Amino acid sequence: MLERDLKELLAVEGSLEAEIIKSKLESFAIPVLLQYEAVGRIFGITMNGLGKVKIMVPESFLEEARKVLAE
């Protein structure tokens, strides 16, 4: 999975929610990469954009991932 082929599916506040979504997508065989905002990751802050996590999937899986999350 090359990073240049990834598209942002959505962004969430905090790693817990991101990990739950990642697990759900992976259970449908959708590859996922989480991109963490640095300060929030280091200090565990999840407010005002700190702690934002982007959920990235390959472009070819983007529509399928959206459908999975809509269920």
N, C-alpha and C. Protein backbone atom coordinates (compact mmCIF):
# COMPACT_ATOMS: atom_id res chain seq x y z
N MET A 1 0.86 -1.17 0.00
CA MET A 1 0.00 0.00 0.00
C MET A 1 0.91 1.23 0.00
N LEU A 2 0.93 1.95 -1.11
CA LEU A 2 1.73 3.15 -1.22
C LEU A 2 0.96 4.36 -0.71
N GLU A 3 1.63 5.20 0.05
CA GLU A 3 0.96 6.35 0.66
C GLU A 3 0.37 7.29 -0.39
N ARG A 4 1.00 7.39 -1.54
CA ARG A 4 0.48 8.30 -2.57
C ARG A 4 -0.86 7.83 -3.15
N ASP A 5 -1.18 6.55 -2.97
CA ASP A 5 -2.44 6.00 -3.47
C ASP A 5 -3.57 6.11 -2.46
N LEU A 6 -3.27 6.64 -1.27
CA LEU A 6 -4.26 6.70 -0.20
C LEU A 6 -5.11 7.96 -0.30
N LYS A 7 -6.35 7.83 0.10
CA LYS A 7 -7.29 8.96 0.17
C LYS A 7 -7.88 9.00 1.57
N GLU A 8 -8.18 10.21 2.02
CA GLU A 8 -8.78 10.36 3.35
C GLU A 8 -10.25 9.95 3.30
N LEU A 9 -10.59 8.98 4.11
CA LEU A 9 -11.97 8.53 4.24
C LEU A 9 -12.72 9.47 5.18
N LEU A 10 -12.13 9.74 6.32
CA LEU A 10 -12.68 10.69 7.28
C LEU A 10 -11.64 10.98 8.33
N ALA A 11 -11.92 11.98 9.15
CA ALA A 11 -11.04 12.33 10.27
C ALA A 11 -11.87 12.29 11.54
N VAL A 12 -11.27 11.77 12.60
CA VAL A 12 -11.96 11.65 13.88
C VAL A 12 -11.08 12.26 14.97
N GLU A 13 -11.70 12.51 16.11
CA GLU A 13 -10.96 13.03 17.26
C GLU A 13 -10.55 11.87 18.16
N GLY A 14 -9.28 11.62 18.25
CA GLY A 14 -8.77 10.61 19.17
C GLY A 14 -8.51 9.26 18.55
N SER A 15 -7.52 8.60 19.13
CA SER A 15 -7.08 7.32 18.58
C SER A 15 -8.05 6.17 18.87
N LEU A 16 -8.82 6.24 19.94
CA LEU A 16 -9.74 5.15 20.26
C LEU A 16 -10.78 4.98 19.16
N GLU A 17 -11.43 6.06 18.78
CA GLU A 17 -12.43 5.99 17.71
C GLU A 17 -11.79 5.54 16.40
N ALA A 18 -10.60 6.06 16.12
CA ALA A 18 -9.89 5.69 14.89
C ALA A 18 -9.58 4.20 14.86
N GLU A 19 -9.14 3.65 15.97
CA GLU A 19 -8.81 2.22 16.02
C GLU A 19 -10.05 1.35 15.85
N ILE A 20 -11.19 1.79 16.40
CA ILE A 20 -12.43 1.04 16.23
C ILE A 20 -12.84 1.01 14.76
N ILE A 21 -12.78 2.17 14.11
CA ILE A 21 -13.13 2.24 12.69
C ILE A 21 -12.16 1.42 11.86
N LYS A 22 -10.89 1.50 12.18
CA LYS A 22 -9.87 0.72 11.46
C LYS A 22 -10.18 -0.77 11.56
N SER A 23 -10.50 -1.24 12.76
CA SER A 23 -10.81 -2.66 12.95
C SER A 23 -12.02 -3.09 12.13
N LYS A 24 -13.04 -2.24 12.11
CA LYS A 24 -14.24 -2.57 11.33
C LYS A 24 -13.90 -2.69 9.85
N LEU A 25 -13.17 -1.72 9.32
CA LEU A 25 -12.81 -1.75 7.90
C LEU A 25 -11.94 -2.96 7.57
N GLU A 26 -10.98 -3.25 8.43
CA GLU A 26 -10.10 -4.39 8.19
C GLU A 26 -10.87 -5.71 8.25
N SER A 27 -11.95 -5.76 9.02
CA SER A 27 -12.76 -6.99 9.05
C SER A 27 -13.45 -7.24 7.71
N PHE A 28 -13.54 -6.19 6.88
CA PHE A 28 -14.08 -6.32 5.52
C PHE A 28 -12.95 -6.36 4.48
N ALA A 29 -11.74 -6.63 4.94
CA ALA A 29 -10.54 -6.74 4.08
C ALA A 29 -10.21 -5.43 3.37
N ILE A 30 -10.50 -4.31 4.04
CA ILE A 30 -10.15 -2.99 3.50
C ILE A 30 -8.88 -2.52 4.20
N PRO A 31 -7.79 -2.30 3.46
CA PRO A 31 -6.55 -1.82 4.09
C PRO A 31 -6.73 -0.40 4.62
N VAL A 32 -6.14 -0.14 5.78
CA VAL A 32 -6.31 1.16 6.44
C VAL A 32 -4.97 1.64 6.97
N LEU A 33 -4.74 2.94 6.85
CA LEU A 33 -3.59 3.58 7.47
C LEU A 33 -4.13 4.74 8.30
N LEU A 34 -3.69 4.85 9.54
CA LEU A 34 -4.08 5.96 10.39
C LEU A 34 -2.96 6.99 10.40
N GLN A 35 -3.32 8.25 10.15
CA GLN A 35 -2.35 9.35 10.20
C GLN A 35 -2.71 10.21 11.40
N TYR A 36 -1.80 10.24 12.37
CA TYR A 36 -2.04 10.96 13.61
C TYR A 36 -1.48 12.37 13.55
N GLU A 37 -2.19 13.29 14.15
CA GLU A 37 -1.68 14.65 14.37
C GLU A 37 -0.66 14.52 15.50
N ALA A 38 0.54 15.04 15.34
CA ALA A 38 1.66 14.74 16.23
C ALA A 38 1.46 15.15 17.69
N VAL A 39 1.08 16.37 17.96
CA VAL A 39 0.99 16.85 19.34
C VAL A 39 -0.06 16.07 20.13
N GLY A 40 -1.20 15.86 19.54
CA GLY A 40 -2.25 15.10 20.21
C GLY A 40 -1.82 13.68 20.50
N ARG A 41 -1.07 13.09 19.60
CA ARG A 41 -0.59 11.71 19.79
C ARG A 41 0.41 11.65 20.94
N ILE A 42 1.29 12.62 21.03
CA ILE A 42 2.32 12.63 22.06
C ILE A 42 1.72 12.90 23.44
N PHE A 43 0.84 13.91 23.52
CA PHE A 43 0.31 14.33 24.81
C PHE A 43 -1.09 13.79 25.11
N GLY A 44 -1.70 13.10 24.18
CA GLY A 44 -3.03 12.54 24.41
C GLY A 44 -4.13 13.58 24.44
N ILE A 45 -3.93 14.70 23.78
CA ILE A 45 -4.92 15.79 23.76
C ILE A 45 -5.87 15.56 22.59
N THR A 46 -7.16 15.74 22.83
CA THR A 46 -8.15 15.56 21.76
C THR A 46 -9.15 16.71 21.75
N MET A 47 -8.64 17.93 21.56
CA MET A 47 -9.53 19.08 21.48
C MET A 47 -8.99 20.09 20.48
N ASN A 48 -9.88 20.85 19.88
CA ASN A 48 -9.50 21.91 18.94
C ASN A 48 -8.56 21.42 17.84
N GLY A 49 -8.81 20.24 17.32
CA GLY A 49 -7.98 19.72 16.24
C GLY A 49 -6.77 18.93 16.69
N LEU A 50 -6.38 19.08 17.95
CA LEU A 50 -5.28 18.28 18.46
C LEU A 50 -5.82 16.88 18.73
N GLY A 51 -5.09 15.90 18.33
CA GLY A 51 -5.54 14.52 18.49
C GLY A 51 -6.34 14.02 17.30
N LYS A 52 -6.42 14.84 16.27
CA LYS A 52 -7.14 14.45 15.05
C LYS A 52 -6.42 13.29 14.38
N VAL A 53 -7.20 12.30 13.95
CA VAL A 53 -6.64 11.14 13.26
C VAL A 53 -7.34 11.02 11.91
N LYS A 54 -6.55 11.00 10.85
CA LYS A 54 -7.10 10.80 9.51
C LYS A 54 -7.11 9.31 9.21
N ILE A 55 -8.25 8.83 8.74
CA ILE A 55 -8.38 7.43 8.35
C ILE A 55 -8.22 7.38 6.84
N MET A 56 -7.14 6.76 6.42
CA MET A 56 -6.76 6.72 5.01
C MET A 56 -6.95 5.31 4.46
N VAL A 57 -7.50 5.24 3.25
CA VAL A 57 -7.67 3.95 2.56
C VAL A 57 -7.21 4.12 1.11
N PRO A 58 -6.83 3.02 0.47
CA PRO A 58 -6.48 3.12 -0.95
C PRO A 58 -7.69 3.63 -1.74
N GLU A 59 -7.42 4.43 -2.74
CA GLU A 59 -8.50 5.02 -3.54
C GLU A 59 -9.45 3.95 -4.09
N SER A 60 -8.92 2.81 -4.45
CA SER A 60 -9.75 1.74 -5.02
C SER A 60 -10.73 1.15 -4.00
N PHE A 61 -10.52 1.40 -2.71
CA PHE A 61 -11.41 0.89 -1.66
C PHE A 61 -12.29 1.99 -1.06
N LEU A 62 -12.16 3.21 -1.54
CA LEU A 62 -12.83 4.35 -0.91
C LEU A 62 -14.35 4.19 -0.86
N GLU A 63 -14.98 3.87 -1.96
CA GLU A 63 -16.44 3.74 -1.98
C GLU A 63 -16.92 2.57 -1.11
N GLU A 64 -16.20 1.47 -1.18
CA GLU A 64 -16.57 0.31 -0.35
C GLU A 64 -16.46 0.66 1.13
N ALA A 65 -15.41 1.39 1.50
CA ALA A 65 -15.23 1.79 2.90
C ALA A 65 -16.36 2.71 3.35
N ARG A 66 -16.78 3.61 2.50
CA ARG A 66 -17.90 4.50 2.85
C ARG A 66 -19.18 3.69 3.09
N LYS A 67 -19.41 2.69 2.26
CA LYS A 67 -20.60 1.84 2.42
C LYS A 67 -20.55 1.06 3.73
N VAL A 68 -19.38 0.54 4.06
CA VAL A 68 -19.23 -0.22 5.31
C VAL A 68 -19.55 0.67 6.51
N LEU A 69 -19.06 1.88 6.50
CA LEU A 69 -19.29 2.78 7.63
C LEU A 69 -20.72 3.30 7.67
N ALA A 70 -21.40 3.30 6.55
CA ALA A 70 -22.79 3.76 6.51
C ALA A 70 -23.75 2.73 7.10
N GLU A 71 -23.31 1.49 7.22
CA GLU A 71 -24.18 0.42 7.74
C GLU A 71 -24.43 0.59 9.21
